Amino acid sequence: MIEILTVCTGNVCRSALAAVVLRGRLADLGARVSSAGSGALVGDPLTPQTAQIALAAGARQDDVEAHRARYLAEGIAAQADLLLAMTRDHRSAAVELSPALLRRAFTAREFARLAEGMTDADIAQAAVGPDPQRRLRAALRVLANRRGIVGPAEDPAWDDVIDPYRQSDEVYQQQARQLLPALDQVERFVRVAVRPHNLTGVSS
């Protein structure tokens, strides 16, 4: 089973939205998708606006209702095969807790920016290993190496997702417009990476 962890601050908006959406999308793979917050509102559910956006994006009702915020701790971070942070600061906080995450931790939008330049064949070629976890981790190492090829975003803030907590509905929608397309790339990458590959005839 592969472990995907999403991280923000309060764990009731951005990371929670990412987790419940990805959990539904990747359920058939047996992926475990969870979330945590660096300053979590421990025990709180999704905000009503986040729940509405999540359901509209295809999250399962049970997942939305069951969510409760939890605090990001070293043990939680260390288990992740892939960590998706909502901002660069969240990524740094997670890597400080578990330095081994360095090449498996991305902001969600950074992940998408790097993955857009990889075809399915590129991902399949990178995903070497006898089981889904090792294939995903191998593909993520190649994705991380693309940081040196692609370079940073023109505006570093483009790798972050805006925090909508206690903001207007429009800010919540802005958050969704930033985050949900990135999750499309995450889903594509993970699906290709974890399945067994016959690379005969596959070009890079």
N, C-alpha and C. Protein backbone atom coordinates (compact mmCIF):
# COMPACT_ATOMS: atom_id res chain seq x y z
N MET A 1 0.84 -1.19 0.00
CA MET A 1 0.00 0.00 0.00
C MET A 1 0.88 1.25 0.00
N ILE A 2 0.55 2.19 -0.86
CA ILE A 2 1.30 3.44 -0.89
C ILE A 2 0.64 4.45 0.04
N GLU A 3 1.46 5.33 0.60
CA GLU A 3 1.00 6.33 1.57
C GLU A 3 1.24 7.72 0.99
N ILE A 4 0.17 8.50 0.88
CA ILE A 4 0.26 9.88 0.43
C ILE A 4 -0.23 10.77 1.56
N LEU A 5 0.57 11.78 1.89
CA LEU A 5 0.22 12.70 2.96
C LEU A 5 0.15 14.11 2.40
N THR A 6 -0.93 14.83 2.72
CA THR A 6 -1.06 16.23 2.33
C THR A 6 -0.96 17.08 3.59
N VAL A 7 -0.34 18.25 3.46
CA VAL A 7 -0.03 19.07 4.64
C VAL A 7 -0.35 20.54 4.38
N CYS A 8 -1.03 21.17 5.33
CA CYS A 8 -1.18 22.62 5.34
C CYS A 8 -1.04 23.09 6.78
N THR A 9 -1.73 24.16 7.15
CA THR A 9 -1.62 24.68 8.51
C THR A 9 -2.69 24.11 9.42
N GLY A 10 -3.94 24.49 9.20
CA GLY A 10 -5.02 24.07 10.10
C GLY A 10 -5.59 22.71 9.83
N ASN A 11 -5.35 22.16 8.61
CA ASN A 11 -5.86 20.84 8.22
C ASN A 11 -7.38 20.78 8.19
N VAL A 12 -8.00 21.91 7.84
CA VAL A 12 -9.46 21.92 7.66
C VAL A 12 -9.85 22.48 6.29
N CYS A 13 -8.87 22.97 5.53
CA CYS A 13 -9.16 23.53 4.20
C CYS A 13 -8.31 22.85 3.13
N ARG A 14 -7.13 23.38 2.87
CA ARG A 14 -6.35 22.96 1.71
C ARG A 14 -5.92 21.50 1.74
N SER A 15 -5.19 21.10 2.77
CA SER A 15 -4.70 19.71 2.82
C SER A 15 -5.84 18.73 2.97
N ALA A 16 -6.88 19.15 3.70
CA ALA A 16 -8.04 18.28 3.86
C ALA A 16 -8.75 18.07 2.53
N LEU A 17 -8.90 19.16 1.77
CA LEU A 17 -9.52 19.06 0.44
C LEU A 17 -8.71 18.13 -0.45
N ALA A 18 -7.41 18.33 -0.49
CA ALA A 18 -6.55 17.49 -1.33
C ALA A 18 -6.67 16.02 -0.93
N ALA A 19 -6.69 15.75 0.37
CA ALA A 19 -6.72 14.36 0.83
C ALA A 19 -8.02 13.66 0.48
N VAL A 20 -9.16 14.30 0.75
CA VAL A 20 -10.42 13.59 0.49
C VAL A 20 -10.67 13.42 -1.00
N VAL A 21 -10.21 14.38 -1.81
CA VAL A 21 -10.37 14.23 -3.27
C VAL A 21 -9.47 13.12 -3.78
N LEU A 22 -8.20 13.12 -3.40
CA LEU A 22 -7.28 12.08 -3.87
C LEU A 22 -7.67 10.70 -3.34
N ARG A 23 -8.18 10.65 -2.12
CA ARG A 23 -8.59 9.36 -1.56
C ARG A 23 -9.67 8.71 -2.41
N GLY A 24 -10.61 9.50 -2.85
CA GLY A 24 -11.66 8.96 -3.71
C GLY A 24 -11.13 8.56 -5.07
N ARG A 25 -10.28 9.39 -5.63
CA ARG A 25 -9.77 9.13 -6.98
C ARG A 25 -8.85 7.91 -7.03
N LEU A 26 -8.11 7.68 -5.96
CA LEU A 26 -7.10 6.61 -5.96
C LEU A 26 -7.53 5.38 -5.16
N ALA A 27 -8.81 5.33 -4.79
CA ALA A 27 -9.30 4.23 -3.96
C ALA A 27 -9.07 2.88 -4.61
N ASP A 28 -9.21 2.81 -5.93
CA ASP A 28 -9.06 1.53 -6.61
C ASP A 28 -7.63 1.01 -6.60
N LEU A 29 -6.68 1.89 -6.29
CA LEU A 29 -5.27 1.47 -6.21
C LEU A 29 -4.90 0.96 -4.82
N GLY A 30 -5.82 1.14 -3.86
CA GLY A 30 -5.51 0.77 -2.50
C GLY A 30 -4.59 1.77 -1.81
N ALA A 31 -4.51 2.98 -2.38
CA ALA A 31 -3.65 4.01 -1.79
C ALA A 31 -4.27 4.53 -0.49
N ARG A 32 -3.42 4.80 0.48
CA ARG A 32 -3.87 5.42 1.71
C ARG A 32 -3.50 6.90 1.64
N VAL A 33 -4.50 7.76 1.62
CA VAL A 33 -4.28 9.20 1.53
C VAL A 33 -4.78 9.85 2.81
N SER A 34 -3.90 10.57 3.49
CA SER A 34 -4.26 11.23 4.73
C SER A 34 -3.71 12.64 4.73
N SER A 35 -4.03 13.40 5.77
CA SER A 35 -3.59 14.79 5.82
C SER A 35 -3.27 15.18 7.25
N ALA A 36 -2.56 16.30 7.40
CA ALA A 36 -2.19 16.80 8.72
C ALA A 36 -1.86 18.27 8.59
N GLY A 37 -1.80 18.95 9.74
CA GLY A 37 -1.52 20.37 9.73
C GLY A 37 -0.39 20.75 10.66
N SER A 38 0.44 21.70 10.23
CA SER A 38 1.55 22.15 11.06
C SER A 38 1.05 22.96 12.26
N GLY A 39 -0.15 23.48 12.16
CA GLY A 39 -0.79 24.18 13.27
C GLY A 39 -2.24 23.75 13.35
N ALA A 40 -2.44 22.45 13.34
CA ALA A 40 -3.77 21.87 13.14
C ALA A 40 -4.79 22.33 14.18
N LEU A 41 -6.01 22.51 13.70
CA LEU A 41 -7.16 22.74 14.57
C LEU A 41 -7.68 21.36 14.97
N VAL A 42 -6.94 20.70 15.83
CA VAL A 42 -7.10 19.27 16.11
C VAL A 42 -8.55 18.93 16.44
N GLY A 43 -9.05 17.94 15.71
CA GLY A 43 -10.40 17.45 15.94
C GLY A 43 -11.47 18.14 15.15
N ASP A 44 -11.14 19.25 14.47
CA ASP A 44 -12.16 19.99 13.70
C ASP A 44 -12.46 19.30 12.38
N PRO A 45 -13.69 19.41 11.88
CA PRO A 45 -14.04 18.88 10.56
C PRO A 45 -13.63 19.84 9.46
N LEU A 46 -13.89 19.47 8.24
CA LEU A 46 -13.72 20.39 7.12
C LEU A 46 -14.58 21.62 7.34
N THR A 47 -14.10 22.77 6.89
CA THR A 47 -14.98 23.93 6.90
C THR A 47 -16.13 23.66 5.92
N PRO A 48 -17.28 24.28 6.12
CA PRO A 48 -18.42 24.02 5.21
C PRO A 48 -18.09 24.32 3.75
N GLN A 49 -17.33 25.39 3.51
CA GLN A 49 -16.98 25.72 2.12
C GLN A 49 -16.09 24.64 1.51
N THR A 50 -15.15 24.13 2.31
CA THR A 50 -14.27 23.07 1.81
C THR A 50 -15.04 21.80 1.53
N ALA A 51 -15.96 21.46 2.41
CA ALA A 51 -16.78 20.26 2.19
C ALA A 51 -17.57 20.37 0.90
N GLN A 52 -18.12 21.55 0.64
CA GLN A 52 -18.90 21.75 -0.58
C GLN A 52 -18.03 21.60 -1.82
N ILE A 53 -16.84 22.20 -1.80
CA ILE A 53 -15.93 22.10 -2.93
C ILE A 53 -15.48 20.65 -3.13
N ALA A 54 -15.19 19.97 -2.03
CA ALA A 54 -14.73 18.58 -2.11
C ALA A 54 -15.77 17.68 -2.76
N LEU A 55 -17.00 17.82 -2.34
CA LEU A 55 -18.07 16.99 -2.90
C LEU A 55 -18.27 17.30 -4.38
N ALA A 56 -18.19 18.57 -4.74
CA ALA A 56 -18.33 18.94 -6.15
C ALA A 56 -17.19 18.40 -7.00
N ALA A 57 -16.02 18.19 -6.36
CA ALA A 57 -14.86 17.66 -7.08
C ALA A 57 -14.83 16.14 -7.10
N GLY A 58 -15.85 15.50 -6.53
CA GLY A 58 -15.96 14.05 -6.60
C GLY A 58 -15.54 13.30 -5.36
N ALA A 59 -15.25 14.00 -4.26
CA ALA A 59 -14.90 13.31 -3.01
C ALA A 59 -16.11 12.53 -2.51
N ARG A 60 -15.86 11.48 -1.77
CA ARG A 60 -16.94 10.66 -1.24
C ARG A 60 -17.50 11.30 0.03
N GLN A 61 -18.81 11.23 0.16
CA GLN A 61 -19.49 11.84 1.30
C GLN A 61 -18.93 11.33 2.62
N ASP A 62 -18.71 10.03 2.73
CA ASP A 62 -18.22 9.46 3.98
C ASP A 62 -16.85 10.02 4.35
N ASP A 63 -15.98 10.21 3.35
CA ASP A 63 -14.66 10.76 3.61
C ASP A 63 -14.74 12.20 4.09
N VAL A 64 -15.62 12.96 3.46
CA VAL A 64 -15.79 14.36 3.84
C VAL A 64 -16.30 14.46 5.28
N GLU A 65 -17.29 13.65 5.61
CA GLU A 65 -17.88 13.71 6.95
C GLU A 65 -16.94 13.17 8.02
N ALA A 66 -16.08 12.24 7.67
CA ALA A 66 -15.22 11.60 8.67
C ALA A 66 -13.98 12.41 9.00
N HIS A 67 -13.64 13.38 8.17
CA HIS A 67 -12.38 14.11 8.39
C HIS A 67 -12.35 14.83 9.73
N ARG A 68 -11.22 14.69 10.41
CA ARG A 68 -10.93 15.45 11.61
C ARG A 68 -9.47 15.89 11.54
N ALA A 69 -9.24 17.15 11.81
CA ALA A 69 -7.88 17.69 11.71
C ALA A 69 -6.94 17.01 12.71
N ARG A 70 -5.69 16.80 12.29
CA ARG A 70 -4.67 16.24 13.19
C ARG A 70 -3.36 16.98 12.97
N TYR A 71 -2.54 16.90 13.98
CA TYR A 71 -1.28 17.64 13.98
C TYR A 71 -0.19 16.86 13.25
N LEU A 72 0.59 17.57 12.46
CA LEU A 72 1.71 16.95 11.75
C LEU A 72 2.81 16.59 12.75
N ALA A 73 3.15 15.33 12.80
CA ALA A 73 4.20 14.85 13.70
C ALA A 73 5.21 14.04 12.90
N GLU A 74 6.37 13.84 13.49
CA GLU A 74 7.45 13.14 12.78
C GLU A 74 7.01 11.76 12.31
N GLY A 75 6.33 11.01 13.17
CA GLY A 75 5.91 9.66 12.79
C GLY A 75 4.96 9.65 11.61
N ILE A 76 4.08 10.64 11.54
CA ILE A 76 3.14 10.74 10.42
C ILE A 76 3.89 11.08 9.14
N ALA A 77 4.79 12.06 9.22
CA ALA A 77 5.53 12.48 8.03
C ALA A 77 6.41 11.36 7.49
N ALA A 78 7.08 10.65 8.38
CA ALA A 78 8.06 9.64 7.96
C ALA A 78 7.45 8.50 7.18
N GLN A 79 6.16 8.24 7.37
CA GLN A 79 5.51 7.13 6.70
C GLN A 79 5.17 7.42 5.23
N ALA A 80 5.22 8.68 4.84
CA ALA A 80 4.73 9.06 3.51
C ALA A 80 5.67 8.61 2.40
N ASP A 81 5.09 7.99 1.38
CA ASP A 81 5.83 7.74 0.14
C ASP A 81 5.86 9.01 -0.71
N LEU A 82 4.79 9.80 -0.61
CA LEU A 82 4.69 11.08 -1.31
C LEU A 82 4.06 12.07 -0.35
N LEU A 83 4.72 13.21 -0.15
CA LEU A 83 4.15 14.27 0.66
C LEU A 83 3.85 15.47 -0.23
N LEU A 84 2.62 15.92 -0.16
CA LEU A 84 2.18 17.08 -0.93
C LEU A 84 1.85 18.21 0.04
N ALA A 85 2.68 19.22 0.04
CA ALA A 85 2.46 20.38 0.91
C ALA A 85 1.69 21.44 0.14
N MET A 86 1.00 22.29 0.87
CA MET A 86 0.24 23.34 0.20
C MET A 86 1.07 24.59 -0.05
N THR A 87 2.15 24.78 0.72
CA THR A 87 3.07 25.89 0.49
C THR A 87 4.50 25.41 0.69
N ARG A 88 5.43 26.25 0.29
CA ARG A 88 6.85 25.93 0.47
C ARG A 88 7.19 25.85 1.96
N ASP A 89 6.56 26.68 2.76
CA ASP A 89 6.81 26.62 4.20
C ASP A 89 6.35 25.29 4.80
N HIS A 90 5.21 24.80 4.33
CA HIS A 90 4.71 23.51 4.83
C HIS A 90 5.66 22.38 4.42
N ARG A 91 6.16 22.47 3.20
CA ARG A 91 7.11 21.45 2.75
C ARG A 91 8.36 21.47 3.63
N SER A 92 8.87 22.66 3.91
CA SER A 92 10.06 22.77 4.74
C SER A 92 9.82 22.21 6.14
N ALA A 93 8.64 22.49 6.68
CA ALA A 93 8.32 22.00 8.02
C ALA A 93 8.31 20.48 8.06
N ALA A 94 7.76 19.85 7.01
CA ALA A 94 7.69 18.39 6.96
C ALA A 94 9.08 17.79 6.81
N VAL A 95 9.91 18.39 5.96
CA VAL A 95 11.26 17.86 5.73
C VAL A 95 12.13 18.03 6.98
N GLU A 96 11.90 19.09 7.73
CA GLU A 96 12.63 19.26 8.99
C GLU A 96 12.30 18.14 9.97
N LEU A 97 11.03 17.71 9.97
CA LEU A 97 10.63 16.60 10.84
C LEU A 97 11.22 15.29 10.37
N SER A 98 11.27 15.10 9.05
CA SER A 98 11.75 13.83 8.48
C SER A 98 12.61 14.13 7.26
N PRO A 99 13.92 14.36 7.45
CA PRO A 99 14.79 14.73 6.33
C PRO A 99 14.80 13.73 5.18
N ALA A 100 14.47 12.47 5.45
CA ALA A 100 14.44 11.47 4.38
C ALA A 100 13.38 11.78 3.33
N LEU A 101 12.46 12.68 3.66
CA LEU A 101 11.40 13.05 2.72
C LEU A 101 11.87 13.99 1.63
N LEU A 102 13.08 14.47 1.71
CA LEU A 102 13.54 15.56 0.85
C LEU A 102 13.16 15.38 -0.62
N ARG A 103 13.35 14.18 -1.14
CA ARG A 103 13.09 13.94 -2.57
C ARG A 103 11.71 13.34 -2.82
N ARG A 104 10.90 13.27 -1.76
CA ARG A 104 9.54 12.78 -1.92
C ARG A 104 8.51 13.82 -1.49
N ALA A 105 9.00 15.03 -1.18
CA ALA A 105 8.12 16.10 -0.71
C ALA A 105 8.10 17.24 -1.71
N PHE A 106 6.92 17.65 -2.08
CA PHE A 106 6.72 18.72 -3.06
C PHE A 106 5.54 19.57 -2.59
N THR A 107 5.49 20.81 -3.02
CA THR A 107 4.18 21.46 -2.91
C THR A 107 3.32 20.88 -4.03
N ALA A 108 2.02 20.91 -3.85
CA ALA A 108 1.12 20.32 -4.85
C ALA A 108 1.30 20.97 -6.21
N ARG A 109 1.44 22.29 -6.21
CA ARG A 109 1.57 23.00 -7.49
C ARG A 109 2.96 22.80 -8.09
N GLU A 110 3.99 22.68 -7.26
CA GLU A 110 5.31 22.35 -7.77
C GLU A 110 5.29 20.97 -8.42
N PHE A 111 4.66 20.01 -7.76
CA PHE A 111 4.54 18.66 -8.31
C PHE A 111 3.94 18.72 -9.71
N ALA A 112 2.83 19.45 -9.83
CA ALA A 112 2.15 19.53 -11.13
C ALA A 112 3.05 20.19 -12.17
N ARG A 113 3.75 21.24 -11.79
CA ARG A 113 4.62 21.96 -12.72
C ARG A 113 5.74 21.05 -13.24
N LEU A 114 6.28 20.23 -12.36
CA LEU A 114 7.34 19.31 -12.78
C LEU A 114 6.77 18.13 -13.57
N ALA A 115 5.63 17.63 -13.16
CA ALA A 115 5.06 16.43 -13.80
C ALA A 115 4.50 16.72 -15.19
N GLU A 116 4.09 17.95 -15.43
CA GLU A 116 3.53 18.29 -16.75
C GLU A 116 4.54 18.04 -17.86
N GLY A 117 5.81 18.08 -17.54
CA GLY A 117 6.84 17.85 -18.55
C GLY A 117 7.21 16.40 -18.74
N MET A 118 6.54 15.50 -18.03
CA MET A 118 6.80 14.06 -18.17
C MET A 118 5.61 13.37 -18.83
N THR A 119 5.88 12.63 -19.88
CA THR A 119 4.83 11.83 -20.50
C THR A 119 4.58 10.58 -19.66
N ASP A 120 3.51 9.87 -19.95
CA ASP A 120 3.26 8.61 -19.26
C ASP A 120 4.42 7.64 -19.47
N ALA A 121 5.00 7.66 -20.66
CA ALA A 121 6.14 6.78 -20.94
C ALA A 121 7.34 7.16 -20.09
N ASP A 122 7.56 8.47 -19.89
CA ASP A 122 8.65 8.92 -19.03
C ASP A 122 8.47 8.41 -17.61
N ILE A 123 7.24 8.52 -17.12
CA ILE A 123 6.95 8.09 -15.75
C ILE A 123 7.15 6.58 -15.63
N ALA A 124 6.63 5.84 -16.61
CA ALA A 124 6.76 4.39 -16.58
C ALA A 124 8.21 3.95 -16.59
N GLN A 125 9.03 4.64 -17.36
CA GLN A 125 10.44 4.27 -17.44
C GLN A 125 11.15 4.55 -16.12
N ALA A 126 10.71 5.59 -15.43
CA ALA A 126 11.33 5.94 -14.14
C ALA A 126 10.87 5.03 -13.01
N ALA A 127 9.69 4.44 -13.16
CA ALA A 127 9.07 3.69 -12.06
C ALA A 127 9.57 2.25 -12.02
N VAL A 128 10.77 2.08 -11.50
CA VAL A 128 11.42 0.77 -11.47
C VAL A 128 11.31 0.19 -10.06
N GLY A 129 10.86 -1.07 -9.98
CA GLY A 129 10.79 -1.71 -8.67
C GLY A 129 9.80 -2.85 -8.66
N PRO A 130 9.90 -3.73 -7.66
CA PRO A 130 9.08 -4.94 -7.62
C PRO A 130 7.68 -4.73 -7.04
N ASP A 131 7.42 -3.55 -6.47
CA ASP A 131 6.11 -3.32 -5.86
C ASP A 131 5.72 -1.86 -6.04
N PRO A 132 4.43 -1.54 -5.84
CA PRO A 132 3.96 -0.16 -6.09
C PRO A 132 4.73 0.89 -5.31
N GLN A 133 5.04 0.62 -4.05
CA GLN A 133 5.73 1.61 -3.23
C GLN A 133 7.10 1.95 -3.82
N ARG A 134 7.86 0.93 -4.19
CA ARG A 134 9.20 1.18 -4.73
C ARG A 134 9.12 1.83 -6.11
N ARG A 135 8.13 1.45 -6.91
CA ARG A 135 7.98 2.09 -8.22
C ARG A 135 7.66 3.57 -8.06
N LEU A 136 6.75 3.88 -7.15
CA LEU A 136 6.39 5.28 -6.94
C LEU A 136 7.60 6.07 -6.44
N ARG A 137 8.30 5.54 -5.47
CA ARG A 137 9.45 6.27 -4.92
C ARG A 137 10.53 6.47 -5.98
N ALA A 138 10.74 5.48 -6.85
CA ALA A 138 11.73 5.62 -7.92
C ALA A 138 11.32 6.72 -8.89
N ALA A 139 10.04 6.75 -9.25
CA ALA A 139 9.55 7.78 -10.17
C ALA A 139 9.64 9.16 -9.52
N LEU A 140 9.40 9.24 -8.22
CA LEU A 140 9.49 10.53 -7.53
C LEU A 140 10.92 11.05 -7.48
N ARG A 141 11.89 10.15 -7.41
CA ARG A 141 13.29 10.60 -7.45
C ARG A 141 13.59 11.28 -8.78
N VAL A 142 13.07 10.71 -9.85
CA VAL A 142 13.27 11.32 -11.17
C VAL A 142 12.54 12.66 -11.24
N LEU A 143 11.34 12.71 -10.70
CA LEU A 143 10.59 13.96 -10.68
C LEU A 143 11.34 15.03 -9.90
N ALA A 144 11.89 14.67 -8.75
CA ALA A 144 12.65 15.62 -7.94
C ALA A 144 13.87 16.13 -8.70
N ASN A 145 14.50 15.26 -9.47
CA ASN A 145 15.67 15.67 -10.25
C ASN A 145 15.32 16.71 -11.30
N ARG A 146 14.06 16.76 -11.70
CA ARG A 146 13.62 17.73 -12.70
C ARG A 146 13.67 19.16 -12.15
N ARG A 147 13.78 19.31 -10.84
CA ARG A 147 13.92 20.67 -10.29
C ARG A 147 15.13 21.38 -10.90
N GLY A 148 16.21 20.61 -11.10
CA GLY A 148 17.41 21.21 -11.67
C GLY A 148 17.30 21.46 -13.16
N ILE A 149 16.36 20.78 -13.82
CA ILE A 149 16.17 20.94 -15.26
C ILE A 149 15.17 22.05 -15.55
N VAL A 150 14.04 21.99 -14.85
CA VAL A 150 12.96 22.94 -15.08
C VAL A 150 13.25 24.28 -14.43
N GLY A 151 13.90 24.23 -13.27
CA GLY A 151 14.19 25.45 -12.53
C GLY A 151 12.99 25.88 -11.70
N PRO A 152 13.17 26.91 -10.89
CA PRO A 152 12.08 27.37 -10.03
C PRO A 152 11.01 28.09 -10.83
N ALA A 153 9.84 28.24 -10.21
CA ALA A 153 8.77 29.01 -10.82
C ALA A 153 9.21 30.46 -10.97
N GLU A 154 8.73 31.12 -12.01
CA GLU A 154 9.08 32.52 -12.24
C GLU A 154 8.76 33.37 -11.01
N ASP A 155 7.61 33.11 -10.42
CA ASP A 155 7.22 33.71 -9.15
C ASP A 155 7.11 32.57 -8.14
N PRO A 156 7.94 32.53 -7.11
CA PRO A 156 7.91 31.41 -6.16
C PRO A 156 6.52 31.15 -5.58
N ALA A 157 5.71 32.20 -5.44
CA ALA A 157 4.37 32.04 -4.88
C ALA A 157 3.47 31.17 -5.77
N TRP A 158 3.86 31.00 -7.03
CA TRP A 158 3.06 30.16 -7.93
C TRP A 158 3.09 28.69 -7.51
N ASP A 159 4.03 28.32 -6.67
CA ASP A 159 4.08 26.94 -6.17
C ASP A 159 3.22 26.74 -4.93
N ASP A 160 2.61 27.80 -4.43
CA ASP A 160 1.80 27.73 -3.22
C ASP A 160 0.30 27.75 -3.53
N VAL A 161 -0.49 27.24 -2.61
CA VAL A 161 -1.96 27.33 -2.68
C VAL A 161 -2.41 28.32 -1.62
N ILE A 162 -3.24 29.26 -2.02
CA ILE A 162 -3.70 30.31 -1.11
C ILE A 162 -4.50 29.73 0.05
N ASP A 163 -4.38 30.34 1.22
CA ASP A 163 -5.10 29.88 2.41
C ASP A 163 -6.47 30.57 2.46
N PRO A 164 -7.56 29.80 2.36
CA PRO A 164 -8.89 30.43 2.37
C PRO A 164 -9.54 30.52 3.74
N TYR A 165 -8.87 30.03 4.77
CA TYR A 165 -9.51 29.93 6.09
C TYR A 165 -10.00 31.30 6.56
N ARG A 166 -11.27 31.35 6.91
CA ARG A 166 -11.94 32.57 7.37
C ARG A 166 -11.94 33.67 6.32
N GLN A 167 -11.82 33.27 5.05
CA GLN A 167 -11.87 34.22 3.94
C GLN A 167 -13.20 34.06 3.20
N SER A 168 -13.37 34.86 2.17
CA SER A 168 -14.61 34.86 1.40
C SER A 168 -14.75 33.61 0.56
N ASP A 169 -15.97 33.38 0.06
CA ASP A 169 -16.20 32.25 -0.84
C ASP A 169 -15.33 32.35 -2.09
N GLU A 170 -15.06 33.57 -2.55
CA GLU A 170 -14.22 33.74 -3.73
C GLU A 170 -12.79 33.25 -3.47
N VAL A 171 -12.29 33.47 -2.26
CA VAL A 171 -10.95 32.97 -1.94
C VAL A 171 -10.96 31.44 -1.90
N TYR A 172 -12.03 30.86 -1.40
CA TYR A 172 -12.16 29.40 -1.43
C TYR A 172 -12.13 28.89 -2.86
N GLN A 173 -12.82 29.59 -3.75
CA GLN A 173 -12.83 29.17 -5.15
C GLN A 173 -11.47 29.36 -5.80
N GLN A 174 -10.77 30.43 -5.41
CA GLN A 174 -9.41 30.63 -5.92
C GLN A 174 -8.50 29.49 -5.48
N GLN A 175 -8.64 29.08 -4.22
CA GLN A 175 -7.91 27.92 -3.72
C GLN A 175 -8.18 26.69 -4.58
N ALA A 176 -9.45 26.46 -4.89
CA ALA A 176 -9.81 25.28 -5.69
C ALA A 176 -9.22 25.37 -7.08
N ARG A 177 -9.21 26.55 -7.66
CA ARG A 177 -8.65 26.70 -9.01
C ARG A 177 -7.15 26.46 -9.02
N GLN A 178 -6.50 26.74 -7.92
CA GLN A 178 -5.06 26.47 -7.82
C GLN A 178 -4.76 25.00 -7.54
N LEU A 179 -5.58 24.40 -6.69
CA LEU A 179 -5.26 23.06 -6.19
C LEU A 179 -5.79 21.93 -7.05
N LEU A 180 -7.02 22.01 -7.49
CA LEU A 180 -7.62 20.85 -8.16
C LEU A 180 -6.91 20.46 -9.45
N PRO A 181 -6.49 21.41 -10.31
CA PRO A 181 -5.72 20.99 -11.50
C PRO A 181 -4.41 20.29 -11.13
N ALA A 182 -3.79 20.71 -10.02
CA ALA A 182 -2.56 20.04 -9.58
C ALA A 182 -2.85 18.60 -9.19
N LEU A 183 -4.00 18.36 -8.58
CA LEU A 183 -4.36 16.99 -8.19
C LEU A 183 -4.58 16.10 -9.41
N ASP A 184 -4.99 16.68 -10.53
CA ASP A 184 -5.12 15.90 -11.77
C ASP A 184 -3.76 15.32 -12.15
N GLN A 185 -2.72 16.13 -12.04
CA GLN A 185 -1.37 15.66 -12.37
C GLN A 185 -0.89 14.63 -11.36
N VAL A 186 -1.21 14.83 -10.08
CA VAL A 186 -0.83 13.85 -9.06
C VAL A 186 -1.47 12.50 -9.37
N GLU A 187 -2.76 12.52 -9.68
CA GLU A 187 -3.45 11.26 -9.98
C GLU A 187 -2.83 10.57 -11.18
N ARG A 188 -2.56 11.32 -12.25
CA ARG A 188 -1.96 10.71 -13.45
C ARG A 188 -0.61 10.10 -13.12
N PHE A 189 0.21 10.85 -12.43
CA PHE A 189 1.57 10.38 -12.13
C PHE A 189 1.53 9.11 -11.28
N VAL A 190 0.74 9.13 -10.22
CA VAL A 190 0.69 7.98 -9.31
C VAL A 190 0.14 6.75 -10.03
N ARG A 191 -0.91 6.93 -10.81
CA ARG A 191 -1.50 5.78 -11.52
C ARG A 191 -0.49 5.12 -12.44
N VAL A 192 0.24 5.93 -13.19
CA VAL A 192 1.22 5.36 -14.12
C VAL A 192 2.37 4.72 -13.35
N ALA A 193 2.82 5.37 -12.29
CA ALA A 193 3.99 4.90 -11.57
C ALA A 193 3.76 3.57 -10.86
N VAL A 194 2.59 3.37 -10.27
CA VAL A 194 2.42 2.19 -9.41
C VAL A 194 2.09 0.93 -10.19
N ARG A 195 1.63 1.06 -11.43
CA ARG A 195 1.27 -0.18 -12.13
C ARG A 195 2.52 -0.85 -12.70
N PRO A 196 2.51 -2.19 -12.79
CA PRO A 196 3.66 -2.89 -13.38
C PRO A 196 3.84 -2.48 -14.83
N HIS A 197 5.07 -2.40 -15.29
CA HIS A 197 5.34 -1.93 -16.65
C HIS A 197 6.15 -2.94 -17.42
N ASN A 198 5.77 -3.09 -18.69
CA ASN A 198 6.61 -3.78 -19.65
C ASN A 198 7.20 -2.69 -20.52
N LEU A 199 8.48 -2.39 -20.30
CA LEU A 199 9.09 -1.24 -20.95
C LEU A 199 9.62 -1.54 -22.35
N THR A 200 9.38 -2.75 -22.87
CA THR A 200 9.83 -3.08 -24.21
C THR A 200 9.20 -2.11 -25.21
N GLY A 201 10.03 -1.42 -25.92
CA GLY A 201 9.53 -0.52 -26.93
C GLY A 201 9.10 0.83 -26.40
N VAL A 202 9.21 1.07 -25.12
CA VAL A 202 8.85 2.37 -24.55
C VAL A 202 10.06 3.30 -24.66
N SER A 203 9.83 4.44 -25.26
CA SER A 203 10.92 5.41 -25.42
C SER A 203 10.83 6.48 -24.35
N SER A 204 11.96 7.09 -24.06
CA SER A 204 11.99 8.12 -23.03
C SER A 204 11.52 9.46 -23.59
